[in-house]
Amino acid sequence: MRMTGRRSDNIEDRRGIGVPLVAGGGIGTILLVLAALFFGIDPSVILQTDQAGPPARTAEAPSTSPGQDEIRDFVAVVLADTEDTWADLFRRMNREYQDPRLVLFTGSVQSACGIAGAAVGPFYCPGDRKLYLDLDFFSELRTRFGAPGDFAQAYVIAHEVGHHVQTLLGISDRVAATRQRADRATANALSVRQELQADCFAGVWAHHANRSRQVLEVGDLEEALGAAAAIGDDRLQRQAAGRVAPESFTHGTSAQRVRWFRRGFEAGAPNQCDTFNTDRV
């Protein structure tokens, strides 16, 4: 992947800073395990915000390394590219794009959505309009999920930026309001559609980044598609429990995630990412 542009100034580096995590196991532990399986899930569902109960402990934050600093620079370049792309697309929609901030952390982090451990993986918090990323996740993406490559990493960032786009367009608020009134099955189905749209928005970014700046090299697209497939609900559930429970899906199957990223990449148009008004997700 050829990423040689400017670096975003919207990086908030909290690496090496730990924050209290609620101890005691129970439901908090279960939620963290689920979050590890379904990273990127709605933070309001998985993040621990209840400070009652046993005394808190402070997570030990691993020290940073030169290798991680190199990845940090890569993240800053990718984020800058999403800023430029979405600013231009919003101008075409007669809207103003507001850049999100990306928070780098190790161990645990405080967000407007609550306190999260690294096990939750990358996530976007609409409460403060920030993306949160532990750089160690990229190692997990390669080793645990079998999705190596720099464009796979870029896809992860672009997906979370896609959630920011949904917030700016008012989509996230509408989905949240509808989910509050819905039963669990309906709420999960809405979550799937929201996540697939973020995948499609990630594809839209990739389309324009490649068309304008020729960022793709041989094999890059396959890296992104491999990452999308690796984190499908069906694959994660089968790996974790040996069975699949479609009624509990919150992000979509591997095939769905690949299809919607590819649709965004091929179309390059946000209006082609309407996952909420289609019979085939």
Protein backbone atom coordinates (compact mmCIF):
# COMPACT_ATOMS: atom_id res chain seq x y z
CA MET A 1 0.00 0.00 0.00
CA ARG A 2 1.44 3.37 -1.02
CA MET A 3 0.59 5.88 1.74
CA THR A 4 2.97 8.83 1.54
CA GLY A 5 0.69 11.81 2.15
CA ARG A 6 0.39 14.14 5.10
CA ARG A 7 -0.13 12.92 8.66
CA SER A 8 -3.29 13.88 10.51
CA ASP A 9 -3.00 16.18 13.50
CA ASN A 10 -6.10 14.58 14.98
CA ILE A 11 -4.20 11.87 16.85
CA GLU A 12 -4.51 11.73 20.62
CA ASP A 13 -1.76 9.47 21.92
CA ARG A 14 -2.61 7.97 25.31
CA ARG A 15 -0.32 4.97 25.02
CA GLY A 16 1.24 3.99 28.30
CA ILE A 17 -1.58 5.52 30.35
CA GLY A 18 -3.78 3.07 32.25
CA VAL A 19 -7.24 3.79 33.63
CA PRO A 20 -9.26 1.95 36.29
CA LEU A 21 -11.16 -1.15 35.20
CA VAL A 22 -13.96 -2.57 37.32
CA ALA A 23 -12.76 -5.78 38.94
CA GLY A 24 -14.71 -8.72 40.29
CA GLY A 25 -15.59 -10.72 37.17
CA GLY A 26 -19.28 -11.51 36.76
CA ILE A 27 -21.18 -9.75 34.02
CA GLY A 28 -18.33 -7.33 33.36
CA THR A 29 -15.99 -10.19 32.52
CA ILE A 30 -18.58 -11.82 30.29
CA LEU A 31 -19.09 -8.58 28.40
CA LEU A 32 -15.38 -8.15 27.83
CA VAL A 33 -15.13 -11.69 26.45
CA LEU A 34 -18.00 -11.03 24.08
CA ALA A 35 -16.37 -7.79 23.04
CA ALA A 36 -13.19 -9.65 22.20
CA LEU A 37 -15.17 -11.89 19.88
CA PHE A 38 -17.17 -9.15 18.27
CA PHE A 39 -14.81 -6.18 18.33
CA GLY A 40 -16.31 -2.98 17.15
CA ILE A 41 -19.68 -3.70 18.75
CA ASP A 42 -21.72 -0.69 19.91
CA PRO A 43 -19.65 0.64 22.85
CA SER A 44 -22.78 1.53 24.81
CA VAL A 45 -23.47 -2.19 24.98
CA ILE A 46 -20.04 -3.53 25.85
CA LEU A 47 -18.16 -0.81 27.70
CA GLN A 48 -18.13 -0.86 31.46
CA THR A 49 -19.49 2.38 32.94
CA ASP A 50 -20.85 1.20 36.28
CA GLN A 51 -18.37 2.14 38.99
CA ALA A 52 -20.32 0.53 41.83
CA GLY A 53 -19.17 -2.69 43.44
CA PRO A 54 -15.67 -3.92 44.24
CA PRO A 55 -12.71 -1.52 44.29
CA ALA A 56 -11.26 -0.67 40.91
CA ARG A 57 -7.87 -1.75 39.70
CA THR A 58 -5.58 -0.01 37.26
CA ALA A 59 -4.62 -1.94 34.17
CA GLU A 60 -0.91 -2.23 33.52
CA ALA A 61 -0.20 -0.35 30.32
CA PRO A 62 2.52 -1.89 28.18
CA SER A 63 5.33 0.39 27.09
CA THR A 64 5.46 1.59 23.51
CA SER A 65 8.08 0.39 21.03
CA PRO A 66 9.79 1.84 17.94
CA GLY A 67 7.80 -0.61 15.83
CA GLN A 68 4.56 0.76 17.22
CA ASP A 69 5.71 4.32 16.55
CA GLU A 70 6.12 3.38 12.89
CA ILE A 71 2.59 1.98 12.87
CA ARG A 72 1.39 5.17 14.57
CA ASP A 73 2.76 7.17 11.63
CA PHE A 74 0.95 4.85 9.22
CA VAL A 75 -2.31 5.32 11.14
CA ALA A 76 -1.86 9.10 11.01
CA VAL A 77 -1.41 9.00 7.21
CA VAL A 78 -4.47 6.79 6.70
CA LEU A 79 -6.57 9.00 8.96
CA ALA A 80 -5.47 12.09 7.03
CA ASP A 81 -6.46 10.42 3.79
CA THR A 82 -9.95 9.64 5.14
CA GLU A 83 -10.23 13.27 6.24
CA ASP A 84 -9.43 14.55 2.75
CA THR A 85 -11.71 12.03 1.06
CA TRP A 86 -14.75 12.57 3.24
CA ALA A 87 -14.31 16.36 3.30
CA ASP A 88 -14.56 16.31 -0.49
CA LEU A 89 -17.54 13.93 -0.51
CA PHE A 90 -19.39 16.02 2.07
CA ARG A 91 -18.81 19.17 -0.01
CA ARG A 92 -20.50 17.41 -2.90
CA MET A 93 -23.47 16.78 -0.58
CA ASN A 94 -23.47 20.47 0.48
CA ARG A 95 -22.40 19.44 3.96
CA GLU A 96 -19.37 20.16 6.10
CA TYR A 97 -17.24 17.26 7.27
CA GLN A 98 -15.95 17.43 10.82
CA ASP A 99 -12.78 15.45 11.41
CA PRO A 100 -12.90 12.85 14.19
CA ARG A 101 -10.03 12.37 16.61
CA LEU A 102 -8.29 9.04 16.89
CA VAL A 103 -7.15 7.97 20.34
CA LEU A 104 -4.26 5.52 20.62
CA PHE A 105 -4.17 3.59 23.88
CA THR A 106 -2.67 0.58 25.58
CA GLY A 107 -4.30 -1.56 28.21
CA SER A 108 -7.46 0.43 28.84
CA VAL A 109 -9.00 3.76 27.97
CA GLN A 110 -11.66 6.21 29.14
CA SER A 111 -14.14 7.41 26.53
CA ALA A 112 -17.47 9.19 26.62
CA CYS A 113 -19.01 5.74 26.13
CA GLY A 114 -17.31 4.35 29.25
CA ILE A 115 -14.09 2.58 30.18
CA ALA A 116 -12.83 -0.09 27.78
CA GLY A 117 -10.08 -2.66 28.02
CA ALA A 118 -7.96 -3.53 25.00
CA ALA A 119 -10.06 -6.68 24.54
CA VAL A 120 -12.87 -4.65 22.96
CA GLY A 121 -10.68 -3.94 19.96
CA PRO A 122 -11.05 -0.79 17.82
CA PHE A 123 -14.26 1.15 18.37
CA TYR A 124 -15.94 4.46 17.68
CA CYS A 125 -17.70 6.43 20.40
CA PRO A 126 -20.43 8.75 19.09
CA GLY A 127 -20.55 10.50 22.48
CA ASP A 128 -17.19 12.19 21.92
CA ARG A 129 -16.84 11.49 18.19
CA LYS A 130 -13.53 9.74 18.64
CA LEU A 131 -12.02 6.52 17.29
CA TYR A 132 -10.17 4.32 19.78
CA LEU A 133 -7.38 1.96 18.78
CA ASP A 134 -4.85 -0.18 20.62
CA LEU A 135 -2.06 -0.72 18.09
CA ASP A 136 -1.52 -4.24 19.42
CA PHE A 137 -4.79 -5.11 17.70
CA PHE A 138 -3.01 -5.11 14.35
CA SER A 139 -0.86 -7.99 15.57
CA GLU A 140 -4.05 -9.80 16.59
CA LEU A 141 -5.52 -9.10 13.17
CA ARG A 142 -2.56 -10.83 11.57
CA THR A 143 -2.02 -13.73 13.98
CA ARG A 144 -5.41 -14.51 15.50
CA PHE A 145 -7.72 -13.50 12.69
CA GLY A 146 -5.42 -14.43 9.82
CA ALA A 147 -5.74 -11.07 8.07
CA PRO A 148 -2.25 -9.61 7.51
CA GLY A 149 -1.24 -6.57 5.50
CA ASP A 150 -1.23 -2.81 5.74
CA PHE A 151 -4.40 -2.40 3.72
CA ALA A 152 -6.20 -4.73 6.13
CA GLN A 153 -5.14 -2.29 8.86
CA ALA A 154 -6.33 0.65 6.78
CA TYR A 155 -9.70 -1.06 6.35
CA VAL A 156 -10.10 -1.26 10.15
CA ILE A 157 -9.49 2.48 10.48
CA ALA A 158 -11.75 3.32 7.55
CA HIS A 159 -14.55 1.18 9.01
CA GLU A 160 -14.48 3.14 12.28
CA VAL A 161 -14.38 6.38 10.31
CA GLY A 162 -17.47 5.05 8.57
CA HIS A 163 -19.25 5.10 11.92
CA HIS A 164 -18.21 8.73 12.31
CA VAL A 165 -19.75 9.49 8.92
CA GLN A 166 -22.96 7.82 10.12
CA THR A 167 -22.95 10.08 13.18
CA LEU A 168 -22.49 13.24 11.11
CA LEU A 169 -25.29 12.21 8.76
CA GLY A 170 -27.67 11.51 11.66
CA ILE A 171 -27.86 7.81 10.86
CA SER A 172 -26.45 6.66 14.19
CA ASP A 173 -29.00 8.65 16.20
CA ARG A 174 -31.89 7.25 14.19
CA VAL A 175 -30.65 3.70 14.58
CA ALA A 176 -30.07 4.13 18.31
CA ALA A 177 -33.58 5.54 18.83
CA THR A 178 -35.17 2.69 16.90
CA ARG A 179 -33.11 0.04 18.70
CA GLN A 180 -34.24 1.34 22.10
CA ARG A 181 -37.85 0.60 21.17
CA ALA A 182 -37.15 -2.73 19.48
CA ASP A 183 -36.88 -6.29 20.72
CA ARG A 184 -33.47 -7.93 20.78
CA ALA A 185 -33.80 -9.63 17.39
CA THR A 186 -34.78 -6.39 15.68
CA ALA A 187 -32.07 -4.46 17.50
CA ASN A 188 -29.45 -6.96 16.38
CA ALA A 189 -30.68 -6.80 12.80
CA LEU A 190 -30.38 -3.00 12.85
CA SER A 191 -26.87 -3.29 14.26
CA VAL A 192 -25.92 -5.59 11.39
CA ARG A 193 -27.18 -3.09 8.82
CA GLN A 194 -25.33 -0.26 10.54
CA GLU A 195 -22.05 -2.21 10.60
CA LEU A 196 -22.40 -3.25 6.96
CA GLN A 197 -22.95 0.36 5.97
CA ALA A 198 -19.71 1.28 7.77
CA ASP A 199 -18.00 -1.44 5.72
CA CYS A 200 -19.46 0.07 2.56
CA PHE A 201 -18.29 3.55 3.59
CA ALA A 202 -14.81 2.09 4.11
CA GLY A 203 -14.98 0.83 0.54
CA VAL A 204 -16.04 4.28 -0.67
CA TRP A 205 -12.94 5.76 0.94
CA ALA A 206 -10.72 3.11 -0.65
CA HIS A 207 -12.25 3.84 -4.07
CA HIS A 208 -11.43 7.54 -3.93
CA ALA A 209 -8.04 7.10 -2.25
CA ASN A 210 -6.99 4.80 -5.05
CA ARG A 211 -8.50 6.82 -7.86
CA SER A 212 -6.98 10.10 -6.65
CA ARG A 213 -3.71 8.92 -5.14
CA GLN A 214 -3.15 5.39 -6.52
CA VAL A 215 -2.58 3.93 -3.07
CA LEU A 216 -3.29 0.30 -3.96
CA GLU A 217 -0.59 -2.19 -4.80
CA VAL A 218 -1.01 -5.76 -5.99
CA GLY A 219 -2.82 -7.79 -3.34
CA ASP A 220 -4.03 -4.82 -1.29
CA LEU A 221 -7.70 -5.19 -2.14
CA GLU A 222 -7.51 -8.86 -1.21
CA GLU A 223 -6.04 -7.85 2.17
CA ALA A 224 -9.04 -5.65 2.94
CA LEU A 225 -11.50 -8.29 1.76
CA GLY A 226 -9.67 -10.87 3.85
CA ALA A 227 -9.98 -8.69 6.95
CA ALA A 228 -13.69 -8.13 6.31
CA ALA A 229 -14.21 -11.88 5.95
CA ALA A 230 -12.13 -12.67 9.04
CA ILE A 231 -14.39 -10.67 11.33
CA GLY A 232 -17.76 -11.91 10.12
CA ASP A 233 -20.08 -12.98 12.93
CA ASP A 234 -20.44 -16.48 11.55
CA ARG A 235 -16.70 -17.08 11.36
CA LEU A 236 -16.02 -15.62 14.82
CA GLN A 237 -18.80 -17.66 16.43
CA ARG A 238 -17.68 -20.86 14.74
CA GLN A 239 -14.10 -20.30 15.91
CA ALA A 240 -15.16 -19.47 19.45
CA ALA A 241 -17.96 -21.94 20.09
CA GLY A 242 -18.01 -24.34 17.16
CA ARG A 243 -21.51 -23.27 16.17
CA VAL A 244 -23.31 -20.30 14.65
CA ALA A 245 -26.29 -18.42 16.13
CA PRO A 246 -27.59 -16.05 13.41
CA GLU A 247 -30.12 -14.43 15.77
CA SER A 248 -27.21 -13.03 17.78
CA PHE A 249 -25.34 -11.52 14.82
CA THR A 250 -24.48 -7.84 15.31
CA HIS A 251 -22.02 -7.19 12.46
CA GLY A 252 -23.00 -9.49 9.60
CA THR A 253 -21.56 -12.62 8.06
CA SER A 254 -18.19 -12.78 6.36
CA ALA A 255 -19.90 -12.84 2.96
CA GLN A 256 -22.01 -9.81 3.80
CA ARG A 257 -19.07 -7.77 5.05
CA VAL A 258 -17.05 -8.59 1.95
CA ARG A 259 -19.98 -7.79 -0.34
CA TRP A 260 -20.67 -4.37 1.15
CA PHE A 261 -17.03 -3.31 1.27
CA ARG A 262 -16.70 -4.34 -2.36
CA ARG A 263 -19.89 -2.48 -3.26
CA GLY A 264 -18.52 0.75 -1.75
CA PHE A 265 -15.17 0.23 -3.44
CA GLU A 266 -16.70 -0.35 -6.86
CA ALA A 267 -19.36 2.39 -6.66
CA GLY A 268 -17.41 5.08 -4.82
CA ALA A 269 -20.70 6.72 -3.85
CA PRO A 270 -22.10 6.96 -0.31
CA ASN A 271 -25.67 6.76 -1.63
CA GLN A 272 -24.91 3.22 -2.80
CA CYS A 273 -24.40 2.19 0.83
CA ASP A 274 -28.03 2.26 1.94
CA THR A 275 -28.12 -0.99 3.87
CA PHE A 276 -31.33 -0.01 5.64
CA ASN A 277 -33.60 -0.03 2.60
CA THR A 278 -32.69 -3.25 0.88
CA ASP A 279 -34.08 -6.74 1.20
CA ARG A 280 -30.66 -8.29 0.68
CA VAL A 281 -28.08 -7.35 3.26
